[in-house]
Amino acid sequence: GPSDDDPGTHARVTQHAIQACNVFICLVSDAYLSNRRCKREFGAAVGASKFIIPVLLPKERDADGDELTCFEGPCAWTSDDVSEDWWRHSITVQKEREAALAK
């Protein structure tokens, strides 16, 4: 059978978990917004009409004071906007990601 690393297996397990949950909690960073799998999971939660709690990850620094980064981008939410329009930062992140991929 397929291994746990198989994208199909991951997708089925994730879909089942989303269907079974009452609340979907996502830890939102710029990297999360740039990751196709994360966006697909979020979309599945929206599509399943789940109650969604987004947690905006704070900026963290390593021992040298440098901001931590992940493969897909910053491991934190880099916007300083804490108004009700906080989610608009996701559009900026997506545009920046598309521009970087176009280079």
N, C-alpha and C. Protein backbone atom coordinates (compact mmCIF):
# COMPACT_ATOMS: atom_id res chain seq x y z
N GLY A 1 0.82 -1.19 0.00
CA GLY A 1 0.00 0.00 0.00
C GLY A 1 0.86 1.24 0.00
N PRO A 2 0.23 2.42 -0.12
CA PRO A 2 0.97 3.68 -0.13
C PRO A 2 1.56 3.99 1.24
N SER A 3 2.67 4.69 1.24
CA SER A 3 3.31 5.06 2.50
C SER A 3 2.67 6.32 3.06
N ASP A 4 3.03 6.65 4.30
CA ASP A 4 2.52 7.88 4.92
C ASP A 4 2.99 9.12 4.18
N ASP A 5 4.09 9.01 3.43
CA ASP A 5 4.61 10.14 2.68
C ASP A 5 3.89 10.33 1.35
N ASP A 6 3.05 9.39 0.97
CA ASP A 6 2.32 9.47 -0.29
C ASP A 6 1.33 10.63 -0.23
N PRO A 7 1.39 11.56 -1.21
CA PRO A 7 0.47 12.71 -1.19
C PRO A 7 -1.00 12.29 -1.18
N GLY A 8 -1.34 11.21 -1.85
CA GLY A 8 -2.73 10.75 -1.87
C GLY A 8 -3.19 10.31 -0.50
N THR A 9 -2.31 9.58 0.21
CA THR A 9 -2.64 9.14 1.56
C THR A 9 -2.81 10.34 2.48
N HIS A 10 -1.89 11.28 2.41
CA HIS A 10 -1.98 12.49 3.22
C HIS A 10 -3.28 13.23 2.95
N ALA A 11 -3.65 13.37 1.69
CA ALA A 11 -4.88 14.08 1.33
C ALA A 11 -6.11 13.37 1.89
N ARG A 12 -6.14 12.05 1.81
CA ARG A 12 -7.30 11.30 2.32
C ARG A 12 -7.39 11.40 3.84
N VAL A 13 -6.26 11.24 4.52
CA VAL A 13 -6.25 11.33 5.98
C VAL A 13 -6.66 12.74 6.42
N THR A 14 -6.14 13.75 5.76
CA THR A 14 -6.46 15.13 6.09
C THR A 14 -7.94 15.41 5.85
N GLN A 15 -8.46 14.96 4.72
CA GLN A 15 -9.87 15.18 4.41
C GLN A 15 -10.75 14.51 5.46
N HIS A 16 -10.41 13.30 5.86
CA HIS A 16 -11.17 12.60 6.89
C HIS A 16 -11.12 13.37 8.21
N ALA A 17 -9.94 13.85 8.58
CA ALA A 17 -9.78 14.59 9.83
C ALA A 17 -10.60 15.88 9.82
N ILE A 18 -10.60 16.57 8.69
CA ILE A 18 -11.38 17.81 8.58
C ILE A 18 -12.88 17.51 8.69
N GLN A 19 -13.32 16.46 8.03
CA GLN A 19 -14.74 16.09 8.11
C GLN A 19 -15.13 15.71 9.54
N ALA A 20 -14.21 15.09 10.28
CA ALA A 20 -14.51 14.60 11.63
C ALA A 20 -14.40 15.69 12.70
N CYS A 21 -13.70 16.77 12.41
CA CYS A 21 -13.48 17.78 13.45
C CYS A 21 -14.67 18.72 13.59
N ASN A 22 -14.74 19.34 14.76
CA ASN A 22 -15.75 20.37 15.00
C ASN A 22 -15.19 21.76 14.76
N VAL A 23 -13.90 21.91 15.03
CA VAL A 23 -13.22 23.20 14.90
C VAL A 23 -11.91 22.98 14.16
N PHE A 24 -11.61 23.84 13.21
CA PHE A 24 -10.37 23.79 12.44
C PHE A 24 -9.50 24.95 12.93
N ILE A 25 -8.36 24.63 13.52
CA ILE A 25 -7.43 25.65 14.00
C ILE A 25 -6.23 25.67 13.07
N CYS A 26 -5.95 26.82 12.48
CA CYS A 26 -4.79 26.91 11.60
C CYS A 26 -3.80 27.91 12.18
N LEU A 27 -2.55 27.52 12.17
CA LEU A 27 -1.45 28.36 12.65
C LEU A 27 -0.91 29.12 11.45
N VAL A 28 -1.29 30.36 11.33
CA VAL A 28 -1.06 31.13 10.11
C VAL A 28 0.26 31.89 10.15
N SER A 29 1.06 31.64 9.13
CA SER A 29 2.31 32.36 8.91
C SER A 29 2.36 32.69 7.43
N ASP A 30 3.34 33.47 7.02
CA ASP A 30 3.50 33.72 5.59
C ASP A 30 3.78 32.40 4.86
N ALA A 31 4.53 31.51 5.50
CA ALA A 31 4.83 30.21 4.88
C ALA A 31 3.55 29.39 4.69
N TYR A 32 2.66 29.43 5.67
CA TYR A 32 1.38 28.72 5.57
C TYR A 32 0.61 29.21 4.35
N LEU A 33 0.59 30.52 4.15
CA LEU A 33 -0.15 31.11 3.03
C LEU A 33 0.46 30.77 1.68
N SER A 34 1.74 30.43 1.66
CA SER A 34 2.43 30.11 0.41
C SER A 34 2.43 28.63 0.09
N ASN A 35 1.98 27.80 1.02
CA ASN A 35 2.04 26.35 0.86
C ASN A 35 0.75 25.82 0.25
N ARG A 36 0.85 25.12 -0.88
CA ARG A 36 -0.35 24.60 -1.56
C ARG A 36 -1.14 23.64 -0.68
N ARG A 37 -0.46 22.78 0.04
CA ARG A 37 -1.14 21.80 0.88
C ARG A 37 -1.92 22.51 1.99
N CYS A 38 -1.31 23.52 2.60
CA CYS A 38 -2.00 24.27 3.66
C CYS A 38 -3.22 24.98 3.10
N LYS A 39 -3.08 25.60 1.93
CA LYS A 39 -4.22 26.29 1.33
C LYS A 39 -5.33 25.31 0.98
N ARG A 40 -4.97 24.12 0.52
CA ARG A 40 -5.95 23.09 0.20
C ARG A 40 -6.69 22.64 1.46
N GLU A 41 -5.96 22.46 2.57
CA GLU A 41 -6.58 22.07 3.83
C GLU A 41 -7.53 23.16 4.32
N PHE A 42 -7.10 24.41 4.24
CA PHE A 42 -7.95 25.52 4.66
C PHE A 42 -9.22 25.56 3.81
N GLY A 43 -9.04 25.39 2.50
CA GLY A 43 -10.20 25.38 1.59
C GLY A 43 -11.16 24.25 1.91
N ALA A 44 -10.62 23.10 2.28
CA ALA A 44 -11.48 21.96 2.65
C ALA A 44 -12.28 22.28 3.92
N ALA A 45 -11.64 22.96 4.87
CA ALA A 45 -12.34 23.34 6.10
C ALA A 45 -13.45 24.35 5.81
N VAL A 46 -13.17 25.29 4.92
CA VAL A 46 -14.18 26.26 4.52
C VAL A 46 -15.33 25.53 3.81
N GLY A 47 -14.95 24.65 2.87
CA GLY A 47 -15.95 23.90 2.12
C GLY A 47 -16.83 23.01 2.99
N ALA A 48 -16.28 22.54 4.10
CA ALA A 48 -17.02 21.68 5.02
C ALA A 48 -17.76 22.51 6.07
N SER A 49 -17.73 23.84 5.93
CA SER A 49 -18.41 24.76 6.85
C SER A 49 -17.98 24.57 8.30
N LYS A 50 -16.69 24.36 8.50
CA LYS A 50 -16.15 24.19 9.85
C LYS A 50 -15.94 25.56 10.51
N PHE A 51 -16.05 25.57 11.82
CA PHE A 51 -15.71 26.76 12.58
C PHE A 51 -14.19 26.86 12.51
N ILE A 52 -13.66 28.00 12.06
CA ILE A 52 -12.22 28.14 11.84
C ILE A 52 -11.65 29.18 12.80
N ILE A 53 -10.59 28.79 13.47
CA ILE A 53 -9.86 29.70 14.37
C ILE A 53 -8.46 29.89 13.80
N PRO A 54 -8.19 31.06 13.21
CA PRO A 54 -6.83 31.33 12.74
C PRO A 54 -5.97 31.88 13.88
N VAL A 55 -4.79 31.34 14.04
CA VAL A 55 -3.84 31.82 15.04
C VAL A 55 -2.67 32.42 14.28
N LEU A 56 -2.48 33.73 14.39
CA LEU A 56 -1.39 34.40 13.68
C LEU A 56 -0.11 34.20 14.47
N LEU A 57 0.85 33.52 13.88
CA LEU A 57 2.10 33.20 14.58
C LEU A 57 2.98 34.44 14.73
N PRO A 58 3.44 34.69 15.92
CA PRO A 58 4.31 35.87 16.14
C PRO A 58 5.69 35.66 15.52
N LYS A 59 6.34 36.77 15.25
CA LYS A 59 7.71 36.71 14.73
C LYS A 59 8.62 36.16 15.81
N GLU A 60 9.49 35.24 15.43
CA GLU A 60 10.46 34.67 16.37
C GLU A 60 11.85 34.88 15.81
N ARG A 61 12.81 34.93 16.68
CA ARG A 61 14.20 35.15 16.26
C ARG A 61 15.08 34.04 16.81
N ASP A 62 16.15 33.75 16.06
CA ASP A 62 17.09 32.74 16.53
C ASP A 62 18.07 33.38 17.51
N ALA A 63 19.04 32.61 17.96
CA ALA A 63 20.00 33.09 18.97
C ALA A 63 20.79 34.31 18.49
N ASP A 64 20.95 34.45 17.16
CA ASP A 64 21.69 35.58 16.60
C ASP A 64 20.81 36.80 16.37
N GLY A 65 19.51 36.65 16.64
CA GLY A 65 18.58 37.76 16.44
C GLY A 65 17.97 37.82 15.06
N ASP A 66 18.28 36.81 14.21
CA ASP A 66 17.71 36.79 12.86
C ASP A 66 16.31 36.17 12.89
N GLU A 67 15.41 36.71 12.07
CA GLU A 67 14.05 36.19 12.01
C GLU A 67 14.07 34.77 11.43
N LEU A 68 13.33 33.88 12.07
CA LEU A 68 13.26 32.50 11.60
C LEU A 68 12.51 32.42 10.28
N THR A 69 12.99 31.56 9.38
CA THR A 69 12.30 31.35 8.11
C THR A 69 12.08 29.86 7.89
N CYS A 70 11.08 29.56 7.10
CA CYS A 70 10.76 28.19 6.71
C CYS A 70 11.04 28.04 5.23
N PHE A 71 10.87 26.85 4.71
CA PHE A 71 11.09 26.60 3.29
C PHE A 71 10.23 27.51 2.42
N GLU A 72 8.98 27.71 2.79
CA GLU A 72 8.04 28.48 1.98
C GLU A 72 8.08 29.98 2.26
N GLY A 73 8.81 30.42 3.29
CA GLY A 73 8.86 31.83 3.62
C GLY A 73 8.96 32.02 5.12
N PRO A 74 8.71 33.25 5.58
CA PRO A 74 8.80 33.51 7.01
C PRO A 74 7.90 32.59 7.83
N CYS A 75 8.42 32.12 8.94
CA CYS A 75 7.67 31.22 9.84
C CYS A 75 6.77 32.02 10.76
N ALA A 76 6.41 33.21 10.37
CA ALA A 76 5.57 34.07 11.19
C ALA A 76 4.64 34.87 10.29
N TRP A 77 3.70 35.49 10.91
CA TRP A 77 2.80 36.43 10.24
C TRP A 77 3.53 37.75 10.23
N THR A 78 3.90 38.26 9.05
CA THR A 78 4.78 39.42 8.98
C THR A 78 4.05 40.76 8.91
N SER A 79 2.74 40.72 8.85
CA SER A 79 1.98 41.98 8.82
C SER A 79 1.84 42.53 10.23
N ASP A 80 1.86 43.86 10.32
CA ASP A 80 1.62 44.52 11.60
C ASP A 80 0.16 44.90 11.76
N ASP A 81 -0.66 44.60 10.73
CA ASP A 81 -2.08 44.95 10.75
C ASP A 81 -2.83 44.02 11.70
N VAL A 82 -3.41 44.57 12.72
CA VAL A 82 -4.21 43.79 13.66
C VAL A 82 -5.68 44.24 13.63
N SER A 83 -6.04 44.96 12.59
CA SER A 83 -7.42 45.40 12.45
C SER A 83 -8.28 44.23 11.95
N GLU A 84 -9.54 44.51 11.73
CA GLU A 84 -10.43 43.45 11.22
C GLU A 84 -10.05 43.03 9.80
N ASP A 85 -9.22 43.79 9.14
CA ASP A 85 -8.77 43.46 7.78
C ASP A 85 -7.43 42.75 7.77
N TRP A 86 -7.04 42.10 8.87
CA TRP A 86 -5.75 41.41 8.98
C TRP A 86 -5.53 40.43 7.85
N TRP A 87 -6.60 39.79 7.39
CA TRP A 87 -6.51 38.74 6.37
C TRP A 87 -6.03 39.27 5.02
N ARG A 88 -6.14 40.57 4.78
CA ARG A 88 -5.71 41.13 3.49
C ARG A 88 -4.22 40.91 3.24
N HIS A 89 -3.47 40.71 4.31
CA HIS A 89 -2.03 40.45 4.16
C HIS A 89 -1.80 39.19 3.32
N SER A 90 -2.73 38.26 3.37
CA SER A 90 -2.59 37.03 2.58
C SER A 90 -2.52 37.32 1.09
N ILE A 91 -3.21 38.35 0.64
CA ILE A 91 -3.17 38.73 -0.78
C ILE A 91 -1.77 39.24 -1.14
N THR A 92 -1.19 40.03 -0.27
CA THR A 92 0.16 40.54 -0.49
C THR A 92 1.16 39.38 -0.55
N VAL A 93 1.04 38.45 0.38
CA VAL A 93 1.95 37.30 0.40
C VAL A 93 1.83 36.50 -0.89
N GLN A 94 0.60 36.27 -1.35
CA GLN A 94 0.39 35.49 -2.58
C GLN A 94 1.00 36.20 -3.79
N LYS A 95 0.81 37.51 -3.90
CA LYS A 95 1.38 38.27 -5.01
C LYS A 95 2.91 38.21 -4.98
N GLU A 96 3.48 38.33 -3.79
CA GLU A 96 4.94 38.26 -3.66
C GLU A 96 5.44 36.88 -4.06
N ARG A 97 4.73 35.84 -3.67
CA ARG A 97 5.10 34.46 -4.01
C ARG A 97 5.05 34.25 -5.52
N GLU A 98 3.99 34.71 -6.16
CA GLU A 98 3.85 34.58 -7.60
C GLU A 98 4.97 35.32 -8.33
N ALA A 99 5.32 36.51 -7.85
CA ALA A 99 6.39 37.30 -8.47
C ALA A 99 7.73 36.57 -8.33
N ALA A 100 7.96 35.98 -7.16
CA ALA A 100 9.23 35.24 -6.94
C ALA A 100 9.30 34.02 -7.84
N LEU A 101 8.20 33.33 -8.05
CA LEU A 101 8.19 32.15 -8.90
C LEU A 101 8.34 32.50 -10.38
N ALA A 102 7.92 33.71 -10.75
CA ALA A 102 8.00 34.15 -12.14
C ALA A 102 9.41 34.50 -12.55
N LYS A 103 10.30 34.73 -11.56
CA LYS A 103 11.69 35.12 -11.87
C LYS A 103 12.48 33.96 -12.41
